[in-house]
PDB file of all heavy atoms in Angstrom:
ATOM      1  N   PHE A   1     103.472 111.287 114.374  1.00  0.00           N
ATOM      2  CA  PHE A   1     103.391 112.610 113.754  1.00  0.00           C
ATOM      3  C   PHE A   1     104.717 112.995 113.111  1.00  0.00           C
ATOM      4  O   PHE A   1     104.756 113.551 112.005  1.00  0.00           O
ATOM      5  CB  PHE A   1     103.005 113.641 114.809  1.00  0.00           C
ATOM      6  CG  PHE A   1     103.021 115.063 114.328  1.00  0.00           C
ATOM      7  CD1 PHE A   1     102.034 115.536 113.476  1.00  0.00           C
ATOM      8  CD2 PHE A   1     104.018 115.940 114.738  1.00  0.00           C
ATOM      9  CE1 PHE A   1     102.047 116.850 113.032  1.00  0.00           C
ATOM     10  CE2 PHE A   1     104.041 117.254 114.295  1.00  0.00           C
ATOM     11  CZ  PHE A   1     103.054 117.713 113.444  1.00  0.00           C
ATOM     12  N   ALA A   2     105.811 112.670 113.784  1.00  0.00           N
ATOM     13  CA  ALA A   2     107.129 113.084 113.313  1.00  0.00           C
ATOM     14  C   ALA A   2     107.563 112.311 112.074  1.00  0.00           C
ATOM     15  O   ALA A   2     108.035 112.900 111.097  1.00  0.00           O
ATOM     16  CB  ALA A   2     108.163 112.917 114.427  1.00  0.00           C
ATOM     17  N   TYR A   3     107.393 110.972 112.120  1.00  0.00           N
ATOM     18  CA  TYR A   3     107.930 110.199 110.997  1.00  0.00           C
ATOM     19  C   TYR A   3     107.329 108.817 110.784  1.00  0.00           C
ATOM     20  O   TYR A   3     107.188 108.374 109.638  1.00  0.00           O
ATOM     21  CB  TYR A   3     109.457 110.040 111.149  1.00  0.00           C
ATOM     22  CG  TYR A   3     109.908 109.365 112.412  1.00  0.00           C
ATOM     23  CD1 TYR A   3     110.105 107.986 112.460  1.00  0.00           C
ATOM     24  CD2 TYR A   3     110.166 110.095 113.567  1.00  0.00           C
ATOM     25  CE1 TYR A   3     110.522 107.349 113.614  1.00  0.00           C
ATOM     26  CE2 TYR A   3     110.587 109.476 114.723  1.00  0.00           C
ATOM     27  CZ  TYR A   3     110.766 108.110 114.757  1.00  0.00           C
ATOM     28  OH  TYR A   3     111.173 107.485 115.906  1.00  0.00           O
ATOM     29  N   VAL A   4     106.952 108.090 111.818  1.00  0.00           N
ATOM     30  CA  VAL A   4     106.574 106.682 111.658  1.00  0.00           C
ATOM     31  C   VAL A   4     105.414 106.509 110.681  1.00  0.00           C
ATOM     32  O   VAL A   4     105.474 105.687 109.753  1.00  0.00           O
ATOM     33  CB  VAL A   4     106.220 106.044 113.016  1.00  0.00           C
ATOM     34  CG1 VAL A   4     105.681 104.626 112.804  1.00  0.00           C
ATOM     35  CG2 VAL A   4     107.451 106.010 113.926  1.00  0.00           C
ATOM     36  N   ALA A   5     104.334 107.276 110.879  1.00  0.00           N
ATOM     37  CA  ALA A   5     103.153 107.124 110.023  1.00  0.00           C
ATOM     38  C   ALA A   5     103.456 107.483 108.569  1.00  0.00           C
ATOM     39  O   ALA A   5     102.803 106.983 107.652  1.00  0.00           O
ATOM     40  CB  ALA A   5     102.003 107.993 110.551  1.00  0.00           C
ATOM     41  N   LEU A   6     104.463 108.322 108.359  1.00  0.00           N
ATOM     42  CA  LEU A   6     104.815 108.725 106.995  1.00  0.00           C
ATOM     43  C   LEU A   6     105.380 107.558 106.201  1.00  0.00           C
ATOM     44  O   LEU A   6     105.033 107.350 105.039  1.00  0.00           O
ATOM     45  CB  LEU A   6     105.831 109.868 107.034  1.00  0.00           C
ATOM     46  CG  LEU A   6     105.407 111.129 107.791  1.00  0.00           C
ATOM     47  CD1 LEU A   6     106.567 112.107 107.879  1.00  0.00           C
ATOM     48  CD2 LEU A   6     104.203 111.774 107.123  1.00  0.00           C
ATOM     49  N   GLY A   7     106.271 106.796 106.835  1.00  0.00           N
ATOM     50  CA  GLY A   7     106.828 105.633 106.164  1.00  0.00           C
ATOM     51  C   GLY A   7     105.783 104.557 105.925  1.00  0.00           C
ATOM     52  O   GLY A   7     105.739 103.940 104.856  1.00  0.00           O
ATOM     53  N   ASP A   8     104.913 104.344 106.922  1.00  0.00           N
ATOM     54  CA  ASP A   8     103.846 103.357 106.769  1.00  0.00           C
ATOM     55  C   ASP A   8     102.912 103.723 105.615  1.00  0.00           C
ATOM     56  O   ASP A   8     102.488 102.860 104.838  1.00  0.00           O
ATOM     57  CB  ASP A   8     103.027 103.263 108.066  1.00  0.00           C
ATOM     58  CG  ASP A   8     103.817 102.630 109.203  1.00  0.00           C
ATOM     59  OD1 ASP A   8     104.877 102.045 108.931  1.00  0.00           O
ATOM     60  OD2 ASP A   8     103.364 102.733 110.360  1.00  0.00           O
ATOM     61  N   ALA A   9     102.588 105.019 105.505  1.00  0.00           N
ATOM     62  CA  ALA A   9     101.652 105.449 104.464  1.00  0.00           C
ATOM     63  C   ALA A   9     102.200 105.162 103.070  1.00  0.00           C
ATOM     64  O   ALA A   9     101.457 104.738 102.177  1.00  0.00           O
ATOM     65  CB  ALA A   9     101.350 106.942 104.622  1.00  0.00           C
ATOM     66  N   ALA A  10     103.483 105.390 102.865  1.00  0.00           N
ATOM     67  CA  ALA A  10     104.075 105.119 101.551  1.00  0.00           C
ATOM     68  C   ALA A  10     103.925 103.648 101.189  1.00  0.00           C
ATOM     69  O   ALA A  10     103.576 103.296 100.052  1.00  0.00           O
ATOM     70  CB  ALA A  10     105.547 105.524 101.551  1.00  0.00           C
ATOM     71  N   THR A  11     104.162 102.776 102.167  1.00  0.00           N
ATOM     72  CA  THR A  11     104.018 101.339 101.935  1.00  0.00           C
ATOM     73  C   THR A  11     102.576 100.980 101.595  1.00  0.00           C
ATOM     74  O   THR A  11     102.304 100.231 100.643  1.00  0.00           O
ATOM     75  CB  THR A  11     104.468 100.562 103.181  1.00  0.00           C
ATOM     76  OG1 THR A  11     105.835 100.870 103.457  1.00  0.00           O
ATOM     77  CG2 THR A  11     104.312  99.061 102.978  1.00  0.00           C
ATOM     78  N   ILE A  12     101.639 101.549 102.357  1.00  0.00           N
ATOM     79  CA  ILE A  12     100.221 101.266 102.125  1.00  0.00           C
ATOM     80  C   ILE A  12      99.789 101.748 100.745  1.00  0.00           C
ATOM     81  O   ILE A  12      99.101 101.036  99.996  1.00  0.00           O
ATOM     82  CB  ILE A  12      99.362 101.927 103.222  1.00  0.00           C
ATOM     83  CG1 ILE A  12      99.621 101.265 104.579  1.00  0.00           C
ATOM     84  CG2 ILE A  12      97.875 101.866 102.868  1.00  0.00           C
ATOM     85  CD1 ILE A  12      98.996 102.002 105.745  1.00  0.00           C
ATOM     86  N   GLY A  13     100.185 102.965 100.379  1.00  0.00           N
ATOM     87  CA  GLY A  13      99.784 103.523  99.096  1.00  0.00           C
ATOM     88  C   GLY A  13     100.237 102.671  97.926  1.00  0.00           C
ATOM     89  O   GLY A  13      99.479 102.432  96.978  1.00  0.00           O
ATOM     90  N   LYS A  14     101.460 102.185  97.977  1.00  0.00           N
ATOM     91  CA  LYS A  14     101.982 101.349  96.889  1.00  0.00           C
ATOM     92  C   LYS A  14     101.231 100.023  96.811  1.00  0.00           C
ATOM     93  O   LYS A  14     100.910  99.535  95.726  1.00  0.00           O
ATOM     94  CB  LYS A  14     103.473 101.108  97.100  1.00  0.00           C
ATOM     95  CG  LYS A  14     104.321 102.365  96.944  1.00  0.00           C
ATOM     96  CD  LYS A  14     105.777 102.105  97.301  1.00  0.00           C
ATOM     97  CE  LYS A  14     106.599 103.382  97.242  1.00  0.00           C
ATOM     98  NZ  LYS A  14     108.005 103.161  97.629  1.00  0.00           N
ATOM     99  N   GLN A  15     100.936  99.434  97.974  1.00  0.00           N
ATOM    100  CA  GLN A  15     100.246  98.148  97.983  1.00  0.00           C
ATOM    101  C   GLN A  15      98.813  98.273  97.479  1.00  0.00           C
ATOM    102  O   GLN A  15      98.338  97.436  96.699  1.00  0.00           O
ATOM    103  CB  GLN A  15     100.269  97.555  99.388  1.00  0.00           C
ATOM    104  CG  GLN A  15     101.653  97.126  99.850  1.00  0.00           C
ATOM    105  CD  GLN A  15     101.617  96.478 101.222  1.00  0.00           C
ATOM    106  OE1 GLN A  15     100.602  96.475 101.899  1.00  0.00           O
ATOM    107  NE2 GLN A  15     102.751  95.929 101.636  1.00  0.00           N
ATOM    108  N   ILE A  16      98.120  99.315  97.922  1.00  0.00           N
ATOM    109  CA  ILE A  16      96.734  99.499  97.483  1.00  0.00           C
ATOM    110  C   ILE A  16      96.681  99.764  95.982  1.00  0.00           C
ATOM    111  O   ILE A  16      95.829  99.223  95.259  1.00  0.00           O
ATOM    112  CB  ILE A  16      96.069 100.638  98.261  1.00  0.00           C
ATOM    113  CG1 ILE A  16      95.953 100.282  99.747  1.00  0.00           C
ATOM    114  CG2 ILE A  16      94.689 100.958  97.682  1.00  0.00           C
ATOM    115  CD1 ILE A  16      95.074  99.092 100.032  1.00  0.00           C
ATOM    116  N   ALA A  17      97.582 100.592  95.474  1.00  0.00           N
ATOM    117  CA  ALA A  17      97.609 100.866  94.033  1.00  0.00           C
ATOM    118  C   ALA A  17      97.866  99.584  93.248  1.00  0.00           C
ATOM    119  O   ALA A  17      97.218  99.325  92.218  1.00  0.00           O
ATOM    120  CB  ALA A  17      98.679 101.910  93.714  1.00  0.00           C
ATOM    121  N   ALA A  18      98.804  98.773  93.723  1.00  0.00           N
ATOM    122  CA  ALA A  18      99.131  97.528  93.024  1.00  0.00           C
ATOM    123  C   ALA A  18      97.935  96.579  92.992  1.00  0.00           C
ATOM    124  O   ALA A  18      97.655  95.930  91.975  1.00  0.00           O
ATOM    125  CB  ALA A  18     100.331  96.857  93.696  1.00  0.00           C
ATOM    126  N   SER A  19      97.207  96.498  94.112  1.00  0.00           N
ATOM    127  CA  SER A  19      96.055  95.595  94.150  1.00  0.00           C
ATOM    128  C   SER A  19      94.893  96.121  93.309  1.00  0.00           C
ATOM    129  O   SER A  19      94.144  95.354  92.710  1.00  0.00           O
ATOM    130  CB  SER A  19      95.601  95.391  95.602  1.00  0.00           C
ATOM    131  OG  SER A  19      95.116  96.598  96.161  1.00  0.00           O
ATOM    132  N   PHE A  20      94.752  97.435  93.218  1.00  0.00           N
ATOM    133  CA  PHE A  20      93.634  98.032  92.487  1.00  0.00           C
ATOM    134  C   PHE A  20      93.854  97.974  90.979  1.00  0.00           C
ATOM    135  O   PHE A  20      92.940  97.654  90.209  1.00  0.00           O
ATOM    136  CB  PHE A  20      93.452  99.476  92.944  1.00  0.00           C
ATOM    137  CG  PHE A  20      92.220 100.149  92.399  1.00  0.00           C
ATOM    138  CD1 PHE A  20      90.974  99.927  92.968  1.00  0.00           C
ATOM    139  CD2 PHE A  20      92.292 101.021  91.316  1.00  0.00           C
ATOM    140  CE1 PHE A  20      89.832 100.548  92.480  1.00  0.00           C
ATOM    141  CE2 PHE A  20      91.171 101.649  90.809  1.00  0.00           C
ATOM    142  CZ  PHE A  20      89.929 101.407  91.399  1.00  0.00           C
ATOM    143  N   TYR A  21      95.069  98.278  90.538  1.00  0.00           N
ATOM    144  CA  TYR A  21      95.344  98.351  89.103  1.00  0.00           C
ATOM    145  C   TYR A  21      96.009  97.090  88.560  1.00  0.00           C
ATOM    146  O   TYR A  21      96.141  96.937  87.338  1.00  0.00           O
ATOM    147  CB  TYR A  21      96.255  99.545  88.799  1.00  0.00           C
ATOM    148  CG  TYR A  21      95.640 100.885  89.126  1.00  0.00           C
ATOM    149  CD1 TYR A  21      96.135 101.648  90.178  1.00  0.00           C
ATOM    150  CD2 TYR A  21      94.573 101.390  88.390  1.00  0.00           C
ATOM    151  CE1 TYR A  21      95.588 102.881  90.490  1.00  0.00           C
ATOM    152  CE2 TYR A  21      94.015 102.627  88.693  1.00  0.00           C
ATOM    153  CZ  TYR A  21      94.526 103.367  89.752  1.00  0.00           C
ATOM    154  OH  TYR A  21      93.983 104.578  90.057  1.00  0.00           O
ATOM    155  N   GLY A  22      96.462  96.230  89.455  1.00  0.00           N
ATOM    156  CA  GLY A  22      97.142  95.028  88.996  1.00  0.00           C
ATOM    157  C   GLY A  22      98.605  95.256  88.670  1.00  0.00           C
ATOM    158  O   GLY A  22      99.280  94.370  88.136  1.00  0.00           O
ATOM    159  N   ARG A  23      99.113  96.426  88.992  1.00  0.00           N
ATOM    160  CA  ARG A  23     100.534  96.727  88.802  1.00  0.00           C
ATOM    161  C   ARG A  23     100.933  97.830  89.783  1.00  0.00           C
ATOM    162  O   ARG A  23     100.112  98.678  90.146  1.00  0.00           O
ATOM    163  CB  ARG A  23     100.816  97.185  87.366  1.00  0.00           C
ATOM    164  CG  ARG A  23     100.106  98.468  86.949  1.00  0.00           C
ATOM    165  CD  ARG A  23     100.338  98.785  85.481  1.00  0.00           C
ATOM    166  NE  ARG A  23      99.805 100.079  85.097  1.00  0.00           N
ATOM    167  CZ  ARG A  23      98.537 100.319  84.774  1.00  0.00           C
ATOM    168  NH1 ARG A  23      97.652  99.317  84.804  1.00  0.00           N
ATOM    169  NH2 ARG A  23      98.138 101.513  84.419  1.00  0.00           N
ATOM    170  N   ALA A  24     102.173  97.801  90.209  1.00  0.00           N
ATOM    171  CA  ALA A  24     102.659  98.777  91.174  1.00  0.00           C
ATOM    172  C   ALA A  24     102.936 100.116  90.489  1.00  0.00           C
ATOM    173  O   ALA A  24     103.141 100.169  89.278  1.00  0.00           O
ATOM    174  CB  ALA A  24     103.939  98.257  91.834  1.00  0.00           C
ATOM    175  N   PRO A  25     102.927 101.222  91.240  1.00  0.00           N
ATOM    176  CA  PRO A  25     103.289 102.510  90.644  1.00  0.00           C
ATOM    177  C   PRO A  25     104.694 102.455  90.047  1.00  0.00           C
ATOM    178  O   PRO A  25     105.607 101.885  90.645  1.00  0.00           O
ATOM    179  CB  PRO A  25     103.241 103.477  91.830  1.00  0.00           C
ATOM    180  CG  PRO A  25     102.360 102.808  92.842  1.00  0.00           C
ATOM    181  CD  PRO A  25     102.586 101.348  92.673  1.00  0.00           C
ATOM    182  N   GLN A  26     104.853 103.049  88.897  1.00  0.00           N
ATOM    183  CA  GLN A  26     106.172 103.086  88.269  1.00  0.00           C
ATOM    184  C   GLN A  26     107.073 104.094  88.975  1.00  0.00           C
ATOM    185  O   GLN A  26     108.287 103.880  89.106  1.00  0.00           O
ATOM    186  CB  GLN A  26     106.041 103.456  86.788  1.00  0.00           C
ATOM    187  CG  GLN A  26     107.337 103.325  86.000  1.00  0.00           C
ATOM    188  CD  GLN A  26     107.139 103.537  84.511  1.00  0.00           C
ATOM    189  OE1 GLN A  26     106.015 103.781  84.061  1.00  0.00           O
ATOM    190  NE2 GLN A  26     108.211 103.435  83.746  1.00  0.00           N
ATOM    191  N   TYR A  27     106.462 105.194  89.436  1.00  0.00           N
ATOM    192  CA  TYR A  27     107.198 106.215  90.182  1.00  0.00           C
ATOM    193  C   TYR A  27     106.349 106.689  91.361  1.00  0.00           C
ATOM    194  O   TYR A  27     105.114 106.690  91.279  1.00  0.00           O
ATOM    195  CB  TYR A  27     107.536 107.420  89.296  1.00  0.00           C
ATOM    196  CG  TYR A  27     108.457 107.103  88.145  1.00  0.00           C
ATOM    197  CD1 TYR A  27     107.945 106.901  86.861  1.00  0.00           C
ATOM    198  CD2 TYR A  27     109.835 107.016  88.337  1.00  0.00           C
ATOM    199  CE1 TYR A  27     108.784 106.613  85.791  1.00  0.00           C
ATOM    200  CE2 TYR A  27     110.688 106.732  87.277  1.00  0.00           C
ATOM    201  CZ  TYR A  27     110.165 106.531  86.014  1.00  0.00           C
ATOM    202  OH  TYR A  27     110.993 106.249  84.969  1.00  0.00           O
ATOM    203  N   SER A  28     107.023 107.115  92.414  1.00  0.00           N
ATOM    204  CA  SER A  28     106.325 107.640  93.592  1.00  0.00           C
ATOM    205  C   SER A  28     106.933 108.983  93.965  1.00  0.00           C
ATOM    206  O   SER A  28     108.166 109.131  94.005  1.00  0.00           O
ATOM    207  CB  SER A  28     106.453 106.671  94.773  1.00  0.00           C
ATOM    208  OG  SER A  28     105.846 105.429  94.477  1.00  0.00           O
ATOM    209  N   TYR A  29     106.059 109.956  94.250  1.00  0.00           N
ATOM    210  CA  TYR A  29     106.509 111.305  94.581  1.00  0.00           C
ATOM    211  C   TYR A  29     105.833 111.790  95.860  1.00  0.00           C
ATOM    212  O   TYR A  29     104.744 111.344  96.223  1.00  0.00           O
ATOM    213  CB  TYR A  29     106.200 112.274  93.438  1.00  0.00           C
ATOM    214  CG  TYR A  29     106.884 111.905  92.153  1.00  0.00           C
ATOM    215  CD1 TYR A  29     106.221 111.166  91.171  1.00  0.00           C
ATOM    216  CD2 TYR A  29     108.210 112.269  91.921  1.00  0.00           C
ATOM    217  CE1 TYR A  29     106.858 110.809  89.989  1.00  0.00           C
ATOM    218  CE2 TYR A  29     108.851 111.911  90.749  1.00  0.00           C
ATOM    219  CZ  TYR A  29     108.182 111.180  89.781  1.00  0.00           C
ATOM    220  OH  TYR A  29     108.819 110.818  88.625  1.00  0.00           O
ATOM    221  N   ARG A  30     106.475 112.729  96.500  1.00  0.00           N
ATOM    222  CA  ARG A  30     105.921 113.318  97.719  1.00  0.00           C
ATOM    223  C   ARG A  30     105.827 114.823  97.515  1.00  0.00           C
ATOM    224  O   ARG A  30     106.774 115.454  97.022  1.00  0.00           O
ATOM    225  CB  ARG A  30     106.832 113.023  98.914  1.00  0.00           C
ATOM    226  CG  ARG A  30     106.395 113.661 100.214  1.00  0.00           C
ATOM    227  CD  ARG A  30     105.257 112.930 100.866  1.00  0.00           C
ATOM    228  NE  ARG A  30     104.764 113.670 102.033  1.00  0.00           N
ATOM    229  CZ  ARG A  30     103.872 113.194 102.883  1.00  0.00           C
ATOM    230  NH1 ARG A  30     103.388 111.979 102.711  1.00  0.00           N
ATOM    231  NH2 ARG A  30     103.464 113.910 103.903  1.00  0.00           N
ATOM    232  N   SER A  31     104.696 115.405  97.882  1.00  0.00           N
ATOM    233  CA  SER A  31     104.477 116.841  97.695  1.00  0.00           C
ATOM    234  C   SER A  31     103.844 117.423  98.949  1.00  0.00           C
ATOM    235  O   SER A  31     102.906 116.847  99.506  1.00  0.00           O
ATOM    236  CB  SER A  31     103.560 117.083  96.488  1.00  0.00           C
ATOM    237  OG  SER A  31     103.274 118.448  96.340  1.00  0.00           O
ATOM    238  N   GLY A  32     104.363 118.565  99.396  1.00  0.00           N
ATOM    239  CA  GLY A  32     103.776 119.203 100.564  1.00  0.00           C
ATOM    240  C   GLY A  32     104.464 120.504 100.897  1.00  0.00           C
ATOM    241  O   GLY A  32     105.576 120.786 100.445  1.00  0.00           O
ATOM    242  N   CYS A  33     103.787 121.339 101.690  1.00  0.00           N
ATOM    243  CA  CYS A  33     104.327 122.631 102.109  1.00  0.00           C
ATOM    244  C   CYS A  33     104.140 122.791 103.612  1.00  0.00           C
ATOM    245  O   CYS A  33     103.177 122.265 104.189  1.00  0.00           O
ATOM    246  CB  CYS A  33     103.612 123.765 101.369  1.00  0.00           C
ATOM    247  SG  CYS A  33     104.342 125.396 101.665  1.00  0.00           S
ATOM    248  N   SER A  34     105.041 123.497 104.268  1.00  0.00           N
ATOM    249  CA  SER A  34     105.003 123.734 105.710  1.00  0.00           C
ATOM    250  C   SER A  34     105.222 122.415 106.448  1.00  0.00           C
ATOM    251  O   SER A  34     106.272 121.794 106.294  1.00  0.00           O
ATOM    252  CB  SER A  34     103.685 124.404 106.106  1.00  0.00           C
ATOM    253  OG  SER A  34     103.751 124.876 107.436  1.00  0.00           O
ATOM    254  N   THR A  35     104.229 121.944 107.196  1.00  0.00           N
ATOM    255  CA  THR A  35     104.367 120.614 107.793  1.00  0.00           C
ATOM    256  C   THR A  35     104.584 119.571 106.706  1.00  0.00           C
ATOM    257  O   THR A  35     105.370 118.629 106.877  1.00  0.00           O
ATOM    258  CB  THR A  35     103.124 120.272 108.627  1.00  0.00           C
ATOM    259  OG1 THR A  35     103.191 120.990 109.872  1.00  0.00           O
ATOM    260  CG2 THR A  35     103.049 118.781 108.945  1.00  0.00           C
ATOM    261  N   GLY A  36     103.915 119.748 105.572  1.00  0.00           N
ATOM    262  CA  GLY A  36     104.124 118.828 104.461  1.00  0.00           C
ATOM    263  C   GLY A  36     105.552 118.854 103.953  1.00  0.00           C
ATOM    264  O   GLY A  36     106.104 117.832 103.541  1.00  0.00           O
ATOM    265  N   GLY A  37     106.188 120.038 103.973  1.00  0.00           N
ATOM    266  CA  GLY A  37     107.578 120.141 103.592  1.00  0.00           C
ATOM    267  C   GLY A  37     108.494 119.445 104.594  1.00  0.00           C
ATOM    268  O   GLY A  37     109.452 118.758 104.213  1.00  0.00           O
ATOM    269  N   ARG A  38     108.204 119.636 105.873  1.00  0.00           N
ATOM    270  CA  ARG A  38     108.976 118.941 106.905  1.00  0.00           C
ATOM    271  C   ARG A  38     108.838 117.434 106.746  1.00  0.00           C
ATOM    272  O   ARG A  38     109.821 116.692 106.853  1.00  0.00           O
ATOM    273  CB  ARG A  38     108.497 119.344 108.311  1.00  0.00           C
ATOM    274  CG  ARG A  38     109.223 118.586 109.412  1.00  0.00           C
ATOM    275  CD  ARG A  38     108.517 118.693 110.741  1.00  0.00           C
ATOM    276  NE  ARG A  38     107.219 118.044 110.765  1.00  0.00           N
ATOM    277  CZ  ARG A  38     107.025 116.738 110.853  1.00  0.00           C
ATOM    278  NH1 ARG A  38     108.051 115.913 110.904  1.00  0.00           N
ATOM    279  NH2 ARG A  38     105.818 116.238 110.871  1.00  0.00           N
ATOM    280  N   GLN A  39     107.620 116.975 106.481  1.00  0.00           N
ATOM    281  CA  GLN A  39     107.409 115.545 106.290  1.00  0.00           C
ATOM    282  C   GLN A  39     108.254 115.012 105.136  1.00  0.00           C
ATOM    283  O   GLN A  39     108.811 113.911 105.219  1.00  0.00           O
ATOM    284  CB  GLN A  39     105.921 115.287 106.020  1.00  0.00           C
ATOM    285  CG  GLN A  39     105.021 115.545 107.209  1.00  0.00           C
ATOM    286  CD  GLN A  39     103.547 115.521 106.829  1.00  0.00           C
ATOM    287  OE1 GLN A  39     103.174 115.797 105.688  1.00  0.00           O
ATOM    288  NE2 GLN A  39     102.687 115.189 107.786  1.00  0.00           N
ATOM    289  N   GLY A  40     108.353 115.803 104.059  1.00  0.00           N
ATOM    290  CA  GLY A  40     109.137 115.375 102.916  1.00  0.00           C
ATOM    291  C   GLY A  40     110.599 115.186 103.262  1.00  0.00           C
ATOM    292  O   GLY A  40     111.218 114.168 102.901  1.00  0.00           O
ATOM    293  N   LEU A  41     111.184 116.147 103.973  1.00  0.00           N
ATOM    294  CA  LEU A  41     112.591 116.031 104.352  1.00  0.00           C
ATOM    295  C   LEU A  41     112.792 114.904 105.361  1.00  0.00           C
ATOM    296  O   LEU A  41     113.816 114.210 105.338  1.00  0.00           O
ATOM    297  CB  LEU A  41     113.081 117.357 104.929  1.00  0.00           C
ATOM    298  CG  LEU A  41     113.127 118.522 103.937  1.00  0.00           C
ATOM    299  CD1 LEU A  41     113.656 119.780 104.605  1.00  0.00           C
ATOM    300  CD2 LEU A  41     113.978 118.179 102.727  1.00  0.00           C
ATOM    301  N   MET A  42     111.815 114.701 106.242  1.00  0.00           N
ATOM    302  CA  MET A  42     111.910 113.602 107.193  1.00  0.00           C
ATOM    303  C   MET A  42     111.887 112.258 106.465  1.00  0.00           C
ATOM    304  O   MET A  42     112.626 111.330 106.813  1.00  0.00           O
ATOM    305  CB  MET A  42     110.760 113.676 108.200  1.00  0.00           C
ATOM    306  CG  MET A  42     110.863 112.670 109.338  1.00  0.00           C
ATOM    307  SD  MET A  42     112.268 112.959 110.430  1.00  0.00           S
ATOM    308  CE  MET A  42     111.566 114.200 111.539  1.00  0.00           C
TER     309      MET A  42
END
């Protein structure tokens, strides 16, 4: 909850996008408020 799953998710998202489109994301962004804001700073 604090941080581990957040780092894993970023890795998963990039890999799935690369396999689906045949190319990796050119840029990656994080957006959130409240708990989402805390997750961003973490």
